[in-house]
Amino acid sequence: MAQYAVLIYANDSAHAPEATPADTGSCDQHAQELVAANSMVVAYALTPRDMATSIRADSITDGPFIDSKEIVAGFYIIEAPDLDAALAIAGTNPAIREGGGVEVRPVHSGGVVERTTE
């Protein structure tokens, strides 16, 4: 089955270090639903924008790479038979109902890169 990345865009991430279960409840419930449907491969929530550090060729700055209304608040990888099915799955993300949105992209390659110690 094909894999698709679902990037979650929101005004900010609900997953601050001091976040409570009430703060992350809709996200957690959505993840549990995708696991129960055998669609979820992996998911990561990112911390709020004020915890970001950006690197460019000539500088390192505090904050997200692009200063915009919405940021990438998290992402997950799903398995689906085709793009239409992936869009249907991603369309259930609570960020959409809460004023944000999601972006769906086919995963081109994957796997774990092994670290070598020398």
PDB file of N, CA and C in Angstrom:
ATOM      1  N   MET A   1       0.851  -1.179   0.000  1.00  0.00           N
ATOM      2  CA  MET A   1       0.000   0.000   0.000  1.00  0.00           C
ATOM      3  C   MET A   1       0.894   1.239   0.000  1.00  0.00           C
ATOM      4  N   ALA A   2       0.439   2.282  -0.658  1.00  0.00           N
ATOM      5  CA  ALA A   2       1.203   3.519  -0.752  1.00  0.00           C
ATOM      6  C   ALA A   2       1.180   4.275   0.577  1.00  0.00           C
ATOM      7  N   GLN A   3       2.217   5.053   0.793  1.00  0.00           N
ATOM      8  CA  GLN A   3       2.278   5.888   1.995  1.00  0.00           C
ATOM      9  C   GLN A   3       2.152   7.355   1.594  1.00  0.00           C
ATOM     10  N   TYR A   4       1.484   8.118   2.464  1.00  0.00           N
ATOM     11  CA  TYR A   4       1.257   9.541   2.246  1.00  0.00           C
ATOM     12  C   TYR A   4       1.618  10.302   3.514  1.00  0.00           C
ATOM     13  N   ALA A   5       2.311  11.422   3.344  1.00  0.00           N
ATOM     14  CA  ALA A   5       2.599  12.315   4.465  1.00  0.00           C
ATOM     15  C   ALA A   5       1.444  13.300   4.578  1.00  0.00           C
ATOM     16  N   VAL A   6       0.973  13.509   5.789  1.00  0.00           N
ATOM     17  CA  VAL A   6      -0.070  14.493   6.054  1.00  0.00           C
ATOM     18  C   VAL A   6       0.561  15.560   6.947  1.00  0.00           C
ATOM     19  N   LEU A   7       0.762  16.754   6.394  1.00  0.00           N
ATOM     20  CA  LEU A   7       1.336  17.864   7.147  1.00  0.00           C
ATOM     21  C   LEU A   7       0.187  18.688   7.711  1.00  0.00           C
ATOM     22  N   ILE A   8       0.231  18.946   9.002  1.00  0.00           N
ATOM     23  CA  ILE A   8      -0.849  19.641   9.698  1.00  0.00           C
ATOM     24  C   ILE A   8      -0.468  21.110   9.864  1.00  0.00           C
ATOM     25  N   TYR A   9      -1.296  22.004   9.319  1.00  0.00           N
ATOM     26  CA  TYR A   9      -1.069  23.440   9.437  1.00  0.00           C
ATOM     27  C   TYR A   9      -2.086  24.026  10.410  1.00  0.00           C
ATOM     28  N   ALA A  10      -1.590  24.816  11.359  1.00  0.00           N
ATOM     29  CA  ALA A  10      -2.453  25.447  12.365  1.00  0.00           C
ATOM     30  C   ALA A  10      -1.831  26.769  12.775  1.00  0.00           C
ATOM     31  N   ASN A  11      -2.588  27.545  13.539  1.00  0.00           N
ATOM     32  CA  ASN A  11      -2.046  28.811  14.044  1.00  0.00           C
ATOM     33  C   ASN A  11      -0.847  28.573  14.937  1.00  0.00           C
ATOM     34  N   ASP A  12      -0.840  27.455  15.652  1.00  0.00           N
ATOM     35  CA  ASP A  12       0.304  27.045  16.464  1.00  0.00           C
ATOM     36  C   ASP A  12       0.050  25.615  16.905  1.00  0.00           C
ATOM     37  N   SER A  13       1.029  25.009  17.498  1.00  0.00           N
ATOM     38  CA  SER A  13       0.889  23.641  17.970  1.00  0.00           C
ATOM     39  C   SER A  13       0.275  23.618  19.361  1.00  0.00           C
ATOM     40  N   ALA A  14      -0.592  22.665  19.601  1.00  0.00           N
ATOM     41  CA  ALA A  14      -1.181  22.478  20.933  1.00  0.00           C
ATOM     42  C   ALA A  14      -0.249  21.681  21.826  1.00  0.00           C
ATOM     43  N   HIS A  15       0.865  21.232  21.296  1.00  0.00           N
ATOM     44  CA  HIS A  15       1.749  20.321  22.019  1.00  0.00           C
ATOM     45  C   HIS A  15       2.930  21.034  22.681  1.00  0.00           C
ATOM     46  N   ALA A  16       2.625  22.012  23.497  1.00  0.00           N
ATOM     47  CA  ALA A  16       3.648  22.672  24.297  1.00  0.00           C
ATOM     48  C   ALA A  16       4.091  21.714  25.399  1.00  0.00           C
ATOM     49  N   PRO A  17       5.289  21.896  25.927  1.00  0.00           N
ATOM     50  CA  PRO A  17       5.749  21.003  26.999  1.00  0.00           C
ATOM     51  C   PRO A  17       4.775  20.915  28.173  1.00  0.00           C
ATOM     52  N   GLU A  18       4.050  21.981  28.466  1.00  0.00           N
ATOM     53  CA  GLU A  18       3.115  21.987  29.590  1.00  0.00           C
ATOM     54  C   GLU A  18       1.681  21.667  29.165  1.00  0.00           C
ATOM     55  N   ALA A  19       1.481  21.183  27.944  1.00  0.00           N
ATOM     56  CA  ALA A  19       0.137  20.881  27.444  1.00  0.00           C
ATOM     57  C   ALA A  19      -0.547  19.828  28.302  1.00  0.00           C
ATOM     58  N   THR A  20      -1.837  19.992  28.453  1.00  0.00           N
ATOM     59  CA  THR A  20      -2.648  19.041  29.213  1.00  0.00           C
ATOM     60  C   THR A  20      -3.385  18.120  28.245  1.00  0.00           C
ATOM     61  N   PRO A  21      -3.935  17.018  28.733  1.00  0.00           N
ATOM     62  CA  PRO A  21      -4.740  16.160  27.856  1.00  0.00           C
ATOM     63  C   PRO A  21      -5.900  16.914  27.204  1.00  0.00           C
ATOM     64  N   ALA A  22      -6.448  17.904  27.871  1.00  0.00           N
ATOM     65  CA  ALA A  22      -7.521  18.702  27.273  1.00  0.00           C
ATOM     66  C   ALA A  22      -7.003  19.506  26.078  1.00  0.00           C
ATOM     67  N   ASP A  23      -5.758  19.977  26.154  1.00  0.00           N
ATOM     68  CA  ASP A  23      -5.167  20.751  25.058  1.00  0.00           C
ATOM     69  C   ASP A  23      -4.952  19.901  23.807  1.00  0.00           C
ATOM     70  N   THR A  24      -4.608  18.649  23.994  1.00  0.00           N
ATOM     71  CA  THR A  24      -4.252  17.773  22.873  1.00  0.00           C
ATOM     72  C   THR A  24      -5.325  16.723  22.576  1.00  0.00           C
ATOM     73  N   GLY A  25      -6.461  16.810  23.234  1.00  0.00           N
ATOM     74  CA  GLY A  25      -7.500  15.788  23.137  1.00  0.00           C
ATOM     75  C   GLY A  25      -7.969  15.473  21.729  1.00  0.00           C
ATOM     76  N   SER A  26      -8.265  16.493  20.922  1.00  0.00           N
ATOM     77  CA  SER A  26      -8.766  16.215  19.574  1.00  0.00           C
ATOM     78  C   SER A  26      -7.698  15.555  18.715  1.00  0.00           C
ATOM     79  N   CYS A  27      -6.456  15.961  18.902  1.00  0.00           N
ATOM     80  CA  CYS A  27      -5.343  15.351  18.148  1.00  0.00           C
ATOM     81  C   CYS A  27      -5.148  13.899  18.565  1.00  0.00           C
ATOM     82  N   ASP A  28      -5.170  13.656  19.864  1.00  0.00           N
ATOM     83  CA  ASP A  28      -4.969  12.300  20.375  1.00  0.00           C
ATOM     84  C   ASP A  28      -6.086  11.366  19.923  1.00  0.00           C
ATOM     85  N   GLN A  29      -7.317  11.849  19.964  1.00  0.00           N
ATOM     86  CA  GLN A  29      -8.451  11.034  19.539  1.00  0.00           C
ATOM     87  C   GLN A  29      -8.335  10.693  18.049  1.00  0.00           C
ATOM     88  N   HIS A  30      -7.961  11.678  17.232  1.00  0.00           N
ATOM     89  CA  HIS A  30      -7.794  11.449  15.799  1.00  0.00           C
ATOM     90  C   HIS A  30      -6.711  10.390  15.550  1.00  0.00           C
ATOM     91  N   ALA A  31      -5.594  10.490  16.250  1.00  0.00           N
ATOM     92  CA  ALA A  31      -4.517   9.507  16.089  1.00  0.00           C
ATOM     93  C   ALA A  31      -4.995   8.112  16.473  1.00  0.00           C
ATOM     94  N   GLN A  32      -5.745   8.004  17.561  1.00  0.00           N
ATOM     95  CA  GLN A  32      -6.264   6.699  17.987  1.00  0.00           C
ATOM     96  C   GLN A  32      -7.214   6.117  16.939  1.00  0.00           C
ATOM     97  N   GLU A  33      -8.013   6.970  16.306  1.00  0.00           N
ATOM     98  CA  GLU A  33      -8.931   6.504  15.258  1.00  0.00           C
ATOM     99  C   GLU A  33      -8.157   5.975  14.056  1.00  0.00           C
ATOM    100  N   LEU A  34      -7.071   6.651  13.677  1.00  0.00           N
ATOM    101  CA  LEU A  34      -6.273   6.196  12.535  1.00  0.00           C
ATOM    102  C   LEU A  34      -5.536   4.897  12.850  1.00  0.00           C
ATOM    103  N   VAL A  35      -5.092   4.749  14.091  1.00  0.00           N
ATOM    104  CA  VAL A  35      -4.454   3.494  14.505  1.00  0.00           C
ATOM    105  C   VAL A  35      -5.481   2.364  14.446  1.00  0.00           C
ATOM    106  N   ALA A  36      -6.671   2.599  14.958  1.00  0.00           N
ATOM    107  CA  ALA A  36      -7.725   1.576  14.962  1.00  0.00           C
ATOM    108  C   ALA A  36      -8.116   1.174  13.540  1.00  0.00           C
ATOM    109  N   ALA A  37      -8.010   2.093  12.589  1.00  0.00           N
ATOM    110  CA  ALA A  37      -8.349   1.810  11.193  1.00  0.00           C
ATOM    111  C   ALA A  37      -7.162   1.221  10.419  1.00  0.00           C
ATOM    112  N   ASN A  38      -6.054   0.986  11.107  1.00  0.00           N
ATOM    113  CA  ASN A  38      -4.831   0.461  10.482  1.00  0.00           C
ATOM    114  C   ASN A  38      -4.304   1.364   9.375  1.00  0.00           C
ATOM    115  N   SER A  39      -4.503   2.670   9.501  1.00  0.00           N
ATOM    116  CA  SER A  39      -3.998   3.629   8.520  1.00  0.00           C
ATOM    117  C   SER A  39      -2.702   4.291   8.968  1.00  0.00           C
ATOM    118  N   MET A  40      -2.522   4.471  10.263  1.00  0.00           N
ATOM    119  CA  MET A  40      -1.385   5.215  10.809  1.00  0.00           C
ATOM    120  C   MET A  40      -0.105   4.397  10.743  1.00  0.00           C
ATOM    121  N   VAL A  41       0.951   5.011  10.217  1.00  0.00           N
ATOM    122  CA  VAL A  41       2.275   4.406  10.235  1.00  0.00           C
ATOM    123  C   VAL A  41       3.089   5.022  11.368  1.00  0.00           C
ATOM    124  N   VAL A  42       3.137   6.347  11.416  1.00  0.00           N
ATOM    125  CA  VAL A  42       3.882   7.066  12.455  1.00  0.00           C
ATOM    126  C   VAL A  42       3.329   8.493  12.523  1.00  0.00           C
ATOM    127  N   ALA A  43       3.418   9.114  13.691  1.00  0.00           N
ATOM    128  CA  ALA A  43       2.946  10.494  13.843  1.00  0.00           C
ATOM    129  C   ALA A  43       3.869  11.253  14.784  1.00  0.00           C
ATOM    130  N   TYR A  44       4.057  12.522  14.497  1.00  0.00           N
ATOM    131  CA  TYR A  44       4.867  13.397  15.337  1.00  0.00           C
ATOM    132  C   TYR A  44       4.170  14.737  15.497  1.00  0.00           C
ATOM    133  N   ALA A  45       4.016  15.174  16.724  1.00  0.00           N
ATOM    134  CA  ALA A  45       3.525  16.520  16.996  1.00  0.00           C
ATOM    135  C   ALA A  45       4.754  17.398  17.230  1.00  0.00           C
ATOM    136  N   LEU A  46       4.725  18.584  16.686  1.00  0.00           N
ATOM    137  CA  LEU A  46       5.824  19.524  16.889  1.00  0.00           C
ATOM    138  C   LEU A  46       5.455  20.510  17.989  1.00  0.00           C
ATOM    139  N   THR A  47       6.451  21.080  18.607  1.00  0.00           N
ATOM    140  CA  THR A  47       6.220  22.052  19.674  1.00  0.00           C
ATOM    141  C   THR A  47       5.819  23.401  19.060  1.00  0.00           C
ATOM    142  N   PRO A  48       5.333  24.338  19.881  1.00  0.00           N
ATOM    143  CA  PRO A  48       4.896  25.646  19.376  1.00  0.00           C
ATOM    144  C   PRO A  48       6.003  26.408  18.648  1.00  0.00           C
ATOM    145  N   ARG A  49       5.560  27.353  17.822  1.00  0.00           N
ATOM    146  CA  ARG A  49       6.478  28.132  16.979  1.00  0.00           C
ATOM    147  C   ARG A  49       7.566  28.858  17.756  1.00  0.00           C
ATOM    148  N   ASP A  50       7.280  29.293  18.979  1.00  0.00           N
ATOM    149  CA  ASP A  50       8.293  30.039  19.727  1.00  0.00           C
ATOM    150  C   ASP A  50       9.459  29.152  20.176  1.00  0.00           C
ATOM    151  N   MET A  51       9.365  27.859  19.977  1.00  0.00           N
ATOM    152  CA  MET A  51      10.456  26.949  20.320  1.00  0.00           C
ATOM    153  C   MET A  51      11.316  26.593  19.096  1.00  0.00           C
ATOM    154  N   ALA A  52      10.963  27.132  17.927  1.00  0.00           N
ATOM    155  CA  ALA A  52      11.694  26.833  16.698  1.00  0.00           C
ATOM    156  C   ALA A  52      12.970  27.659  16.595  1.00  0.00           C
ATOM    157  N   THR A  53      13.956  27.102  15.938  1.00  0.00           N
ATOM    158  CA  THR A  53      15.181  27.798  15.565  1.00  0.00           C
ATOM    159  C   THR A  53      15.425  27.504  14.092  1.00  0.00           C
ATOM    160  N   SER A  54      15.684  28.534  13.310  1.00  0.00           N
ATOM    161  CA  SER A  54      15.853  28.378  11.867  1.00  0.00           C
ATOM    162  C   SER A  54      17.293  28.649  11.466  1.00  0.00           C
ATOM    163  N   ILE A  55      17.771  27.873  10.517  1.00  0.00           N
ATOM    164  CA  ILE A  55      19.139  28.022  10.015  1.00  0.00           C
ATOM    165  C   ILE A  55      19.072  28.380   8.538  1.00  0.00           C
ATOM    166  N   ARG A  56      19.780  29.420   8.185  1.00  0.00           N
ATOM    167  CA  ARG A  56      19.950  29.819   6.788  1.00  0.00           C
ATOM    168  C   ARG A  56      21.454  29.859   6.526  1.00  0.00           C
ATOM    169  N   ALA A  57      21.818  30.103   5.296  1.00  0.00           N
ATOM    170  CA  ALA A  57      23.234  30.078   4.930  1.00  0.00           C
ATOM    171  C   ALA A  57      24.081  31.049   5.765  1.00  0.00           C
ATOM    172  N   ASP A  58      23.497  32.194   6.133  1.00  0.00           N
ATOM    173  CA  ASP A  58      24.291  33.214   6.810  1.00  0.00           C
ATOM    174  C   ASP A  58      23.871  33.503   8.250  1.00  0.00           C
ATOM    175  N   SER A  59      22.898  32.755   8.781  1.00  0.00           N
ATOM    176  CA  SER A  59      22.455  33.085  10.140  1.00  0.00           C
ATOM    177  C   SER A  59      21.655  31.961  10.784  1.00  0.00           C
ATOM    178  N   ILE A  60      21.560  32.060  12.091  1.00  0.00           N
ATOM    179  CA  ILE A  60      20.682  31.211  12.898  1.00  0.00           C
ATOM    180  C   ILE A  60      19.780  32.166  13.666  1.00  0.00           C
ATOM    181  N   THR A  61      18.453  31.955  13.554  1.00  0.00           N
ATOM    182  CA  THR A  61      17.516  32.862  14.212  1.00  0.00           C
ATOM    183  C   THR A  61      16.478  32.084  15.004  1.00  0.00           C
ATOM    184  N   ASP A  62      15.930  32.733  16.014  1.00  0.00           N
ATOM    185  CA  ASP A  62      14.838  32.154  16.776  1.00  0.00           C
ATOM    186  C   ASP A  62      13.565  32.283  15.958  1.00  0.00           C
ATOM    187  N   GLY A  63      12.715  31.269  16.051  1.00  0.00           N
ATOM    188  CA  GLY A  63      11.422  31.312  15.376  1.00  0.00           C
ATOM    189  C   GLY A  63      11.382  30.401  14.172  1.00  0.00           C
ATOM    190  N   PRO A  64      10.183  30.272  13.588  1.00  0.00           N
ATOM    191  CA  PRO A  64      10.015  29.384  12.439  1.00  0.00           C
ATOM    192  C   PRO A  64      10.745  29.911  11.206  1.00  0.00           C
ATOM    193  N   PHE A  65      10.970  29.032  10.247  1.00  0.00           N
ATOM    194  CA  PHE A  65      11.687  29.379   9.021  1.00  0.00           C
ATOM    195  C   PHE A  65      10.957  30.462   8.248  1.00  0.00           C
ATOM    196  N   ILE A  66       9.642  30.356   8.173  1.00  0.00           N
ATOM    197  CA  ILE A  66       8.831  31.352   7.481  1.00  0.00           C
ATOM    198  C   ILE A  66       7.874  31.966   8.493  1.00  0.00           C
ATOM    199  N   ASP A  67       7.836  33.292   8.545  1.00  0.00           N
ATOM    200  CA  ASP A  67       6.912  33.982   9.437  1.00  0.00           C
ATOM    201  C   ASP A  67       5.566  34.089   8.736  1.00  0.00           C
ATOM    202  N   SER A  68       4.641  33.222   9.134  1.00  0.00           N
ATOM    203  CA  SER A  68       3.333  33.214   8.488  1.00  0.00           C
ATOM    204  C   SER A  68       2.253  32.985   9.537  1.00  0.00           C
ATOM    205  N   LYS A  69       1.020  33.147   9.131  1.00  0.00           N
ATOM    206  CA  LYS A  69      -0.114  32.972  10.043  1.00  0.00           C
ATOM    207  C   LYS A  69      -0.170  31.539  10.564  1.00  0.00           C
ATOM    208  N   GLU A  70       0.064  30.575   9.674  1.00  0.00           N
ATOM    209  CA  GLU A  70      -0.004  29.173  10.067  1.00  0.00           C
ATOM    210  C   GLU A  70       1.370  28.527   9.948  1.00  0.00           C
ATOM    211  N   ILE A  71       1.601  27.546  10.797  1.00  0.00           N
ATOM    212  CA  ILE A  71       2.858  26.811  10.796  1.00  0.00           C
ATOM    213  C   ILE A  71       2.566  25.324  10.663  1.00  0.00           C
ATOM    214  N   VAL A  72       3.604  24.547  10.396  1.00  0.00           N
ATOM    215  CA  VAL A  72       3.458  23.098  10.440  1.00  0.00           C
ATOM    216  C   VAL A  72       3.471  22.718  11.919  1.00  0.00           C
ATOM    217  N   ALA A  73       2.340  22.228  12.398  1.00  0.00           N
ATOM    218  CA  ALA A  73       2.201  21.883  13.813  1.00  0.00           C
ATOM    219  C   ALA A  73       2.526  20.420  14.076  1.00  0.00           C
ATOM    220  N   GLY A  74       2.565  19.626  13.025  1.00  0.00           N
ATOM    221  CA  GLY A  74       2.885  18.215  13.167  1.00  0.00           C
ATOM    222  C   GLY A  74       2.712  17.522  11.834  1.00  0.00           C
ATOM    223  N   PHE A  75       3.022  16.236  11.812  1.00  0.00           N
ATOM    224  CA  PHE A  75       2.843  15.465  10.597  1.00  0.00           C
ATOM    225  C   PHE A  75       2.707  13.997  10.947  1.00  0.00           C
ATOM    226  N   TYR A  76       2.105  13.264  10.035  1.00  0.00           N
ATOM    227  CA  TYR A  76       2.029  11.826  10.202  1.00  0.00           C
ATOM    228  C   TYR A  76       2.078  11.154   8.848  1.00  0.00           C
ATOM    229  N   ILE A  77       2.395   9.892   8.861  1.00  0.00           N
ATOM    230  CA  ILE A  77       2.451   9.075   7.653  1.00  0.00           C
ATOM    231  C   ILE A  77       1.318   8.061   7.743  1.00  0.00           C
ATOM    232  N   ILE A  78       0.543   7.980   6.673  1.00  0.00           N
ATOM    233  CA  ILE A  78      -0.543   7.005   6.619  1.00  0.00           C
ATOM    234  C   ILE A  78      -0.310   6.065   5.440  1.00  0.00           C
ATOM    235  N   GLU A  79      -0.980   4.937   5.486  1.00  0.00           N
ATOM    236  CA  GLU A  79      -1.020   4.031   4.348  1.00  0.00           C
ATOM    237  C   GLU A  79      -2.420   4.050   3.787  1.00  0.00           C
ATOM    238  N   ALA A  80      -2.505   4.131   2.469  1.00  0.00           N
ATOM    239  CA  ALA A  80      -3.795   4.147   1.791  1.00  0.00           C
ATOM    240  C   ALA A  80      -3.612   3.549   0.402  1.00  0.00           C
ATOM    241  N   PRO A  81      -4.674   2.981  -0.146  1.00  0.00           N
ATOM    242  CA  PRO A  81      -4.539   2.349  -1.455  1.00  0.00           C
ATOM    243  C   PRO A  81      -4.280   3.339  -2.595  1.00  0.00           C
ATOM    244  N   ASP A  82      -4.730   4.593  -2.435  1.00  0.00           N
ATOM    245  CA  ASP A  82      -4.519   5.589  -3.490  1.00  0.00           C
ATOM    246  C   ASP A  82      -4.715   6.990  -2.897  1.00  0.00           C
ATOM    247  N   LEU A  83      -4.469   7.997  -3.729  1.00  0.00           N
ATOM    248  CA  LEU A  83      -4.565   9.382  -3.260  1.00  0.00           C
ATOM    249  C   LEU A  83      -5.969   9.729  -2.789  1.00  0.00           C
ATOM    250  N   ASP A  84      -6.990   9.274  -3.489  1.00  0.00           N
ATOM    251  CA  ASP A  84      -8.356   9.588  -3.062  1.00  0.00           C
ATOM    252  C   ASP A  84      -8.635   9.067  -1.661  1.00  0.00           C
ATOM    253  N   ALA A  85      -8.188   7.859  -1.375  1.00  0.00           N
ATOM    254  CA  ALA A  85      -8.370   7.297  -0.029  1.00  0.00           C
ATOM    255  C   ALA A  85      -7.554   8.079   0.995  1.00  0.00           C
ATOM    256  N   ALA A  86      -6.339   8.478   0.621  1.00  0.00           N
ATOM    257  CA  ALA A  86      -5.503   9.271   1.534  1.00  0.00           C
ATOM    258  C   ALA A  86      -6.156  10.612   1.839  1.00  0.00           C
ATOM    259  N   LEU A  87      -6.738  11.236   0.822  1.00  0.00           N
ATOM    260  CA  LEU A  87      -7.422  12.519   1.035  1.00  0.00           C
ATOM    261  C   LEU A  87      -8.638  12.353   1.943  1.00  0.00           C
ATOM    262  N   ALA A  88      -9.351  11.252   1.795  1.00  0.00           N
ATOM    263  CA  ALA A  88     -10.505  10.997   2.667  1.00  0.00           C
ATOM    264  C   ALA A  88     -10.051  10.823   4.113  1.00  0.00           C
ATOM    265  N   ILE A  89      -8.960  10.107   4.306  1.00  0.00           N
ATOM    266  CA  ILE A  89      -8.436   9.905   5.661  1.00  0.00           C
ATOM    267  C   ILE A  89      -7.965  11.237   6.237  1.00  0.00           C
ATOM    268  N   ALA A  90      -7.154  11.973   5.479  1.00  0.00           N
ATOM    269  CA  ALA A  90      -6.603  13.247   5.956  1.00  0.00           C
ATOM    270  C   ALA A  90      -7.706  14.274   6.203  1.00  0.00           C
ATOM    271  N   GLY A  91      -8.797  14.167   5.461  1.00  0.00           N
ATOM    272  CA  GLY A  91      -9.909  15.105   5.622  1.00  0.00           C
ATOM    273  C   GLY A  91     -10.611  15.008   6.955  1.00  0.00           C
ATOM    274  N   THR A  92     -10.318  13.968   7.729  1.00  0.00           N
ATOM    275  CA  THR A  92     -10.915  13.827   9.062  1.00  0.00           C
ATOM    276  C   THR A  92     -10.066  14.490  10.149  1.00  0.00           C
ATOM    277  N   ASN A  93      -8.942  15.083   9.783  1.00  0.00           N
ATOM    278  CA  ASN A  93      -8.064  15.701  10.778  1.00  0.00           C
ATOM    279  C   ASN A  93      -8.772  16.860  11.480  1.00  0.00           C
ATOM    280  N   PRO A  94      -8.719  16.913  12.814  1.00  0.00           N
ATOM    281  CA  PRO A  94      -9.415  17.978  13.545  1.00  0.00           C
ATOM    282  C   PRO A  94      -8.879  19.370  13.261  1.00  0.00           C
ATOM    283  N   ALA A  95      -7.658  19.502  12.769  1.00  0.00           N
ATOM    284  CA  ALA A  95      -7.122  20.829  12.461  1.00  0.00           C
ATOM    285  C   ALA A  95      -7.995  21.543  11.434  1.00  0.00           C
ATOM    286  N   ILE A  96      -8.595  20.780  10.542  1.00  0.00           N
ATOM    287  CA  ILE A  96      -9.456  21.374   9.512  1.00  0.00           C
ATOM    288  C   ILE A  96     -10.679  22.025  10.159  1.00  0.00           C
ATOM    289  N   ARG A  97     -11.289  21.337  11.105  1.00  0.00           N
ATOM    290  CA  ARG A  97     -12.473  21.885  11.799  1.00  0.00           C
ATOM    291  C   ARG A  97     -12.107  23.028  12.738  1.00  0.00           C
ATOM    292  N   GLU A  98     -10.834  23.076  13.153  1.00  0.00           N
ATOM    293  CA  GLU A  98     -10.401  24.080  14.128  1.00  0.00           C
ATOM    294  C   GLU A  98      -9.718  25.275  13.475  1.00  0.00           C
ATOM    295  N   GLY A  99      -9.917  25.468  12.162  1.00  0.00           N
ATOM    296  CA  GLY A  99      -9.418  26.659  11.483  1.00  0.00           C
ATOM    297  C   GLY A  99      -8.112  26.490  10.737  1.00  0.00           C
ATOM    298  N   GLY A 100      -7.501  25.318  10.789  1.00  0.00           N
ATOM    299  CA  GLY A 100      -6.259  25.079  10.066  1.00  0.00           C
ATOM    300  C   GLY A 100      -6.518  24.263   8.824  1.00  0.00           C
ATOM    301  N   GLY A 101      -5.546  23.479   8.440  1.00  0.00           N
ATOM    302  CA  GLY A 101      -5.694  22.635   7.266  1.00  0.00           C
ATOM    303  C   GLY A 101      -4.607  21.589   7.230  1.00  0.00           C
ATOM    304  N   VAL A 102      -4.666  20.730   6.242  1.00  0.00           N
ATOM    305  CA  VAL A 102      -3.640  19.710   6.061  1.00  0.00           C
ATOM    306  C   VAL A 102      -3.189  19.692   4.606  1.00  0.00           C
ATOM    307  N   GLU A 103      -1.991  19.220   4.402  1.00  0.00           N
ATOM    308  CA  GLU A 103      -1.432  19.020   3.067  1.00  0.00           C
ATOM    309  C   GLU A 103      -1.070  17.551   2.962  1.00  0.00           C
ATOM    310  N   VAL A 104      -1.425  16.916   1.855  1.00  0.00           N
ATOM    311  CA  VAL A 104      -1.162  15.489   1.653  1.00  0.00           C
ATOM    312  C   VAL A 104      -0.167  15.343   0.508  1.00  0.00           C
ATOM    313  N   ARG A 105       0.892  14.575   0.748  1.00  0.00           N
ATOM    314  CA  ARG A 105       1.884  14.320  -0.294  1.00  0.00           C
ATOM    315  C   ARG A 105       2.255  12.851  -0.308  1.00  0.00           C
ATOM    316  N   PRO A 106       2.367  12.263  -1.493  1.00  0.00           N
ATOM    317  CA  PRO A 106       2.868  10.892  -1.554  1.00  0.00           C
ATOM    318  C   PRO A 106       4.300  10.845  -1.016  1.00  0.00           C
ATOM    319  N   VAL A 107       4.615   9.790  -0.302  1.00  0.00           N
ATOM    320  CA  VAL A 107       5.983   9.601   0.199  1.00  0.00           C
ATOM    321  C   VAL A 107       6.777   8.946  -0.923  1.00  0.00           C
ATOM    322  N   HIS A 108       7.865   9.560  -1.294  1.00  0.00           N
ATOM    323  CA  HIS A 108       8.688   9.064  -2.393  1.00  0.00           C
ATOM    324  C   HIS A 108       9.591   7.925  -1.955  1.00  0.00           C
ATOM    325  N   SER A 109      10.202   8.069  -0.803  1.00  0.00           N
ATOM    326  CA  SER A 109      11.087   7.031  -0.301  1.00  0.00           C
ATOM    327  C   SER A 109      11.044   7.069   1.209  1.00  0.00           C
ATOM    328  N   GLY A 110      11.496   6.038   1.823  1.00  0.00           N
ATOM    329  CA  GLY A 110      11.448   6.003   3.279  1.00  0.00           C
ATOM    330  C   GLY A 110      12.407   4.976   3.825  1.00  0.00           C
ATOM    331  N   GLY A 111      12.292   4.785   5.085  1.00  0.00           N
ATOM    332  CA  GLY A 111      13.158   3.850   5.755  1.00  0.00           C
ATOM    333  C   GLY A 111      14.035   4.560   6.745  1.00  0.00           C
ATOM    334  N   VAL A 112      14.630   3.798   7.584  1.00  0.00           N
ATOM    335  CA  VAL A 112      15.487   4.336   8.625  1.00  0.00           C
ATOM    336  C   VAL A 112      16.924   4.343   8.120  1.00  0.00           C
ATOM    337  N   VAL A 113      17.576   5.459   8.301  1.00  0.00           N
ATOM    338  CA  VAL A 113      18.988   5.548   7.960  1.00  0.00           C
ATOM    339  C   VAL A 113      19.776   5.080   9.168  1.00  0.00           C
ATOM    340  N   GLU A 114      20.591   4.111   8.991  1.00  0.00           N
ATOM    341  CA  GLU A 114      21.389   3.577  10.089  1.00  0.00           C
ATOM    342  C   GLU A 114      22.556   4.511  10.372  1.00  0.00           C
ATOM    343  N   ARG A 115      22.782   4.778  11.620  1.00  0.00           N
ATOM    344  CA  ARG A 115      23.942   5.584  12.013  1.00  0.00           C
ATOM    345  C   ARG A 115      25.126   4.669  12.188  1.00  0.00           C
ATOM    346  N   THR A 116      26.248   5.164  11.764  1.00  0.00           N
ATOM    347  CA  THR A 116      27.473   4.401  11.970  1.00  0.00           C
ATOM    348  C   THR A 116      28.340   5.141  12.966  1.00  0.00           C
ATOM    349  N   THR A 117      29.024   4.410  13.782  1.00  0.00           N
ATOM    350  CA  THR A 117      29.935   5.020  14.749  1.00  0.00           C
ATOM    351  C   THR A 117      31.351   4.612  14.367  1.00  0.00           C
ATOM    352  N   GLU A 118      32.165   5.603  14.230  1.00  0.00           N
ATOM    353  CA  GLU A 118      33.567   5.331  13.879  1.00  0.00           C
ATOM    354  C   GLU A 118      34.468   6.097  14.780  1.00  0.00           C
TER     355      GLU A 118
END
